[in-house]
Amino acid sequence: MKRSFDERQIIGVLKEIDSGITVAALCRKHDISESTYYKWKAKYSGMSLSDREKLELLEAENAKLKCLLAESILANAALREKSGERVEA
């Protein structure tokens, strides 16, 4: 059965390599493939938990700003349409 890891667990697994354990042994210990380890390393390498939390906050703020921008564009288009201006997509 496939086991899922959250970001905190992934960062913890990646930090275990600093203790001197080999990649193969680490992968056996956590029942993951070496390719999974290297994918995680590419994505989370050098990241601490506080960095990950900051990234999550920035991603949430970015999503909120994108939503506000989309609403603003729609409102602007509606105002133009109401005033009779030509609206281009």
N, C-alpha and C. Protein backbone atom coordinates (compact mmCIF):
# COMPACT_ATOMS: atom_id res chain seq x y z
N MET A 1 0.83 -1.18 0.00
CA MET A 1 0.00 0.00 0.00
C MET A 1 0.88 1.24 0.00
N LYS A 2 0.48 2.23 -0.78
CA LYS A 2 1.26 3.45 -0.91
C LYS A 2 1.04 4.34 0.31
N ARG A 3 2.13 4.77 0.91
CA ARG A 3 2.07 5.64 2.08
C ARG A 3 2.26 7.08 1.64
N SER A 4 1.49 7.98 2.21
CA SER A 4 1.65 9.39 1.86
C SER A 4 2.37 10.12 2.99
N PHE A 5 3.16 11.09 2.61
CA PHE A 5 3.94 11.90 3.55
C PHE A 5 3.51 13.35 3.40
N ASP A 6 3.43 14.07 4.51
CA ASP A 6 3.21 15.50 4.40
C ASP A 6 4.57 16.20 4.34
N GLU A 7 4.55 17.51 4.12
CA GLU A 7 5.80 18.25 3.94
C GLU A 7 6.71 18.16 5.16
N ARG A 8 6.13 18.18 6.34
CA ARG A 8 6.94 18.11 7.56
C ARG A 8 7.68 16.77 7.64
N GLN A 9 6.99 15.70 7.29
CA GLN A 9 7.62 14.38 7.33
C GLN A 9 8.71 14.27 6.26
N ILE A 10 8.45 14.83 5.09
CA ILE A 10 9.42 14.79 4.00
C ILE A 10 10.69 15.52 4.41
N ILE A 11 10.54 16.70 4.99
CA ILE A 11 11.71 17.48 5.42
C ILE A 11 12.47 16.70 6.49
N GLY A 12 11.75 16.04 7.39
CA GLY A 12 12.39 15.21 8.41
C GLY A 12 13.18 14.06 7.82
N VAL A 13 12.61 13.40 6.82
CA VAL A 13 13.30 12.30 6.15
C VAL A 13 14.57 12.81 5.48
N LEU A 14 14.47 13.95 4.81
CA LEU A 14 15.64 14.51 4.12
C LEU A 14 16.73 14.91 5.11
N LYS A 15 16.37 15.35 6.28
CA LYS A 15 17.36 15.74 7.29
C LYS A 15 18.08 14.53 7.88
N GLU A 16 17.46 13.36 7.80
CA GLU A 16 18.10 12.15 8.33
C GLU A 16 19.38 11.80 7.58
N ILE A 17 19.49 12.22 6.34
CA ILE A 17 20.68 11.91 5.55
C ILE A 17 21.91 12.56 6.16
N ASP A 18 21.72 13.65 6.93
CA ASP A 18 22.84 14.34 7.59
C ASP A 18 23.47 13.49 8.68
N SER A 19 22.75 12.49 9.16
CA SER A 19 23.29 11.65 10.23
C SER A 19 24.27 10.60 9.71
N GLY A 20 24.45 10.54 8.41
CA GLY A 20 25.43 9.62 7.84
C GLY A 20 24.84 8.36 7.24
N ILE A 21 23.54 8.22 7.26
CA ILE A 21 22.88 7.05 6.70
C ILE A 21 22.94 7.15 5.16
N THR A 22 23.04 6.03 4.49
CA THR A 22 23.08 6.05 3.03
C THR A 22 21.67 6.26 2.49
N VAL A 23 21.61 6.71 1.25
CA VAL A 23 20.32 6.94 0.61
C VAL A 23 19.52 5.64 0.52
N ALA A 24 20.19 4.56 0.14
CA ALA A 24 19.52 3.27 0.01
C ALA A 24 18.93 2.82 1.35
N ALA A 25 19.70 2.97 2.43
CA ALA A 25 19.21 2.58 3.75
C ALA A 25 18.06 3.46 4.20
N LEU A 26 18.15 4.73 3.93
CA LEU A 26 17.09 5.67 4.28
C LEU A 26 15.80 5.32 3.54
N CYS A 27 15.93 4.98 2.27
CA CYS A 27 14.77 4.62 1.47
C CYS A 27 14.13 3.32 1.98
N ARG A 28 14.95 2.36 2.34
CA ARG A 28 14.41 1.11 2.90
C ARG A 28 13.70 1.37 4.22
N LYS A 29 14.30 2.22 5.05
CA LYS A 29 13.74 2.53 6.36
C LYS A 29 12.34 3.15 6.25
N HIS A 30 12.16 4.02 5.28
CA HIS A 30 10.89 4.73 5.13
C HIS A 30 10.01 4.15 4.03
N ASP A 31 10.47 3.06 3.43
CA ASP A 31 9.71 2.37 2.38
C ASP A 31 9.35 3.30 1.22
N ILE A 32 10.39 3.98 0.71
CA ILE A 32 10.23 4.83 -0.47
C ILE A 32 11.28 4.43 -1.49
N SER A 33 11.06 4.81 -2.74
CA SER A 33 12.06 4.50 -3.76
C SER A 33 13.12 5.59 -3.77
N GLU A 34 14.25 5.26 -4.36
CA GLU A 34 15.31 6.26 -4.46
C GLU A 34 14.89 7.42 -5.35
N SER A 35 14.10 7.13 -6.38
CA SER A 35 13.64 8.22 -7.25
C SER A 35 12.74 9.19 -6.47
N THR A 36 11.92 8.65 -5.55
CA THR A 36 11.10 9.51 -4.70
C THR A 36 11.98 10.39 -3.82
N TYR A 37 13.03 9.78 -3.25
CA TYR A 37 13.96 10.54 -2.42
C TYR A 37 14.55 11.70 -3.21
N TYR A 38 15.01 11.44 -4.43
CA TYR A 38 15.65 12.49 -5.23
C TYR A 38 14.65 13.55 -5.69
N LYS A 39 13.40 13.16 -5.93
CA LYS A 39 12.38 14.15 -6.27
C LYS A 39 12.12 15.07 -5.08
N TRP A 40 12.01 14.45 -3.88
CA TRP A 40 11.82 15.25 -2.68
C TRP A 40 13.00 16.17 -2.45
N LYS A 41 14.20 15.64 -2.67
CA LYS A 41 15.42 16.43 -2.45
C LYS A 41 15.44 17.64 -3.38
N ALA A 42 15.04 17.44 -4.63
CA ALA A 42 15.02 18.54 -5.58
C ALA A 42 14.01 19.61 -5.17
N LYS A 43 12.90 19.18 -4.60
CA LYS A 43 11.84 20.12 -4.24
C LYS A 43 12.05 20.78 -2.88
N TYR A 44 12.51 20.01 -1.89
CA TYR A 44 12.57 20.50 -0.52
C TYR A 44 13.98 20.67 0.03
N SER A 45 14.99 20.49 -0.79
CA SER A 45 16.38 20.55 -0.31
C SER A 45 16.68 21.91 0.31
N GLY A 46 17.26 21.88 1.50
CA GLY A 46 17.66 23.09 2.18
C GLY A 46 16.52 23.85 2.83
N MET A 47 15.32 23.29 2.77
CA MET A 47 14.17 23.98 3.32
C MET A 47 13.92 23.52 4.76
N SER A 48 13.72 24.46 5.63
CA SER A 48 13.37 24.12 7.01
C SER A 48 11.85 24.20 7.16
N LEU A 49 11.35 23.78 8.29
CA LEU A 49 9.91 23.83 8.51
C LEU A 49 9.38 25.26 8.47
N SER A 50 10.15 26.19 9.02
CA SER A 50 9.69 27.59 9.01
C SER A 50 9.66 28.13 7.57
N ASP A 51 10.62 27.72 6.75
CA ASP A 51 10.61 28.12 5.34
C ASP A 51 9.36 27.59 4.64
N ARG A 52 9.02 26.34 4.94
CA ARG A 52 7.85 25.72 4.32
C ARG A 52 6.57 26.45 4.76
N GLU A 53 6.49 26.82 6.03
CA GLU A 53 5.32 27.54 6.51
C GLU A 53 5.21 28.91 5.85
N LYS A 54 6.34 29.58 5.66
CA LYS A 54 6.34 30.88 4.98
C LYS A 54 5.89 30.71 3.53
N LEU A 55 6.35 29.64 2.88
CA LEU A 55 5.96 29.38 1.50
C LEU A 55 4.46 29.13 1.40
N GLU A 56 3.89 28.38 2.35
CA GLU A 56 2.46 28.13 2.36
C GLU A 56 1.68 29.43 2.52
N LEU A 57 2.14 30.31 3.40
CA LEU A 57 1.48 31.60 3.59
C LEU A 57 1.53 32.44 2.32
N LEU A 58 2.69 32.46 1.65
CA LEU A 58 2.82 33.21 0.41
C LEU A 58 1.93 32.64 -0.69
N GLU A 59 1.84 31.30 -0.77
CA GLU A 59 0.98 30.67 -1.77
C GLU A 59 -0.48 31.02 -1.52
N ALA A 60 -0.90 31.03 -0.26
CA ALA A 60 -2.28 31.39 0.08
C ALA A 60 -2.57 32.85 -0.26
N GLU A 61 -1.62 33.72 0.05
CA GLU A 61 -1.79 35.13 -0.26
C GLU A 61 -1.84 35.35 -1.77
N ASN A 62 -1.01 34.64 -2.51
CA ASN A 62 -0.99 34.74 -3.96
C ASN A 62 -2.33 34.31 -4.55
N ALA A 63 -2.89 33.22 -4.04
CA ALA A 63 -4.19 32.74 -4.52
C ALA A 63 -5.28 33.78 -4.25
N LYS A 64 -5.24 34.39 -3.07
CA LYS A 64 -6.22 35.42 -2.72
C LYS A 64 -6.10 36.62 -3.65
N LEU A 65 -4.87 37.04 -3.92
CA LEU A 65 -4.66 38.19 -4.81
C LEU A 65 -5.10 37.89 -6.24
N LYS A 66 -4.88 36.67 -6.71
CA LYS A 66 -5.34 36.29 -8.04
C LYS A 66 -6.86 36.35 -8.13
N CYS A 67 -7.52 35.90 -7.07
CA CYS A 67 -8.98 35.94 -7.02
C CYS A 67 -9.46 37.39 -7.04
N LEU A 68 -8.84 38.27 -6.26
CA LEU A 68 -9.22 39.67 -6.24
C LEU A 68 -9.00 40.33 -7.60
N LEU A 69 -7.92 39.99 -8.26
CA LEU A 69 -7.64 40.54 -9.59
C LEU A 69 -8.71 40.09 -10.59
N ALA A 70 -9.07 38.81 -10.55
CA ALA A 70 -10.09 38.29 -11.46
C ALA A 70 -11.43 38.99 -11.23
N GLU A 71 -11.80 39.19 -9.96
CA GLU A 71 -13.04 39.90 -9.64
C GLU A 71 -12.99 41.33 -10.15
N SER A 72 -11.85 41.98 -10.00
CA SER A 72 -11.69 43.35 -10.46
C SER A 72 -11.81 43.44 -11.98
N ILE A 73 -11.21 42.52 -12.68
CA ILE A 73 -11.29 42.50 -14.14
C ILE A 73 -12.73 42.30 -14.59
N LEU A 74 -13.45 41.38 -13.93
CA LEU A 74 -14.85 41.14 -14.28
C LEU A 74 -15.71 42.37 -14.00
N ALA A 75 -15.49 43.02 -12.87
CA ALA A 75 -16.25 44.22 -12.53
C ALA A 75 -15.97 45.32 -13.53
N ASN A 76 -14.72 45.48 -13.93
CA ASN A 76 -14.34 46.50 -14.90
C ASN A 76 -15.01 46.22 -16.25
N ALA A 77 -15.01 44.96 -16.66
CA ALA A 77 -15.65 44.59 -17.92
C ALA A 77 -17.15 44.85 -17.87
N ALA A 78 -17.77 44.56 -16.74
CA ALA A 78 -19.21 44.80 -16.59
C ALA A 78 -19.52 46.29 -16.66
N LEU A 79 -18.69 47.12 -16.04
CA LEU A 79 -18.90 48.57 -16.10
C LEU A 79 -18.75 49.09 -17.52
N ARG A 80 -17.75 48.59 -18.23
CA ARG A 80 -17.57 49.01 -19.63
C ARG A 80 -18.76 48.61 -20.49
N GLU A 81 -19.23 47.39 -20.26
CA GLU A 81 -20.37 46.90 -21.04
C GLU A 81 -21.62 47.73 -20.75
N LYS A 82 -21.82 48.09 -19.51
CA LYS A 82 -22.97 48.88 -19.11
C LYS A 82 -22.91 50.27 -19.71
N SER A 83 -21.72 50.84 -19.80
CA SER A 83 -21.58 52.19 -20.35
C SER A 83 -21.55 52.20 -21.86
N GLY A 84 -21.59 51.04 -22.48
CA GLY A 84 -21.64 50.97 -23.93
C GLY A 84 -20.31 50.86 -24.61
N GLU A 85 -19.23 50.82 -23.86
CA GLU A 85 -17.91 50.69 -24.47
C GLU A 85 -17.76 49.27 -25.02
N ARG A 86 -16.89 49.16 -25.98
CA ARG A 86 -16.60 47.84 -26.54
C ARG A 86 -15.70 47.07 -25.58
N VAL A 87 -16.10 45.86 -25.25
CA VAL A 87 -15.33 45.02 -24.32
C VAL A 87 -14.61 43.95 -25.12
N GLU A 88 -13.29 43.91 -24.96
CA GLU A 88 -12.50 42.88 -25.63
C GLU A 88 -12.05 41.85 -24.63
N ALA A 89 -12.01 40.62 -25.04
CA ALA A 89 -11.62 39.53 -24.15
C ALA A 89 -10.14 39.38 -24.10
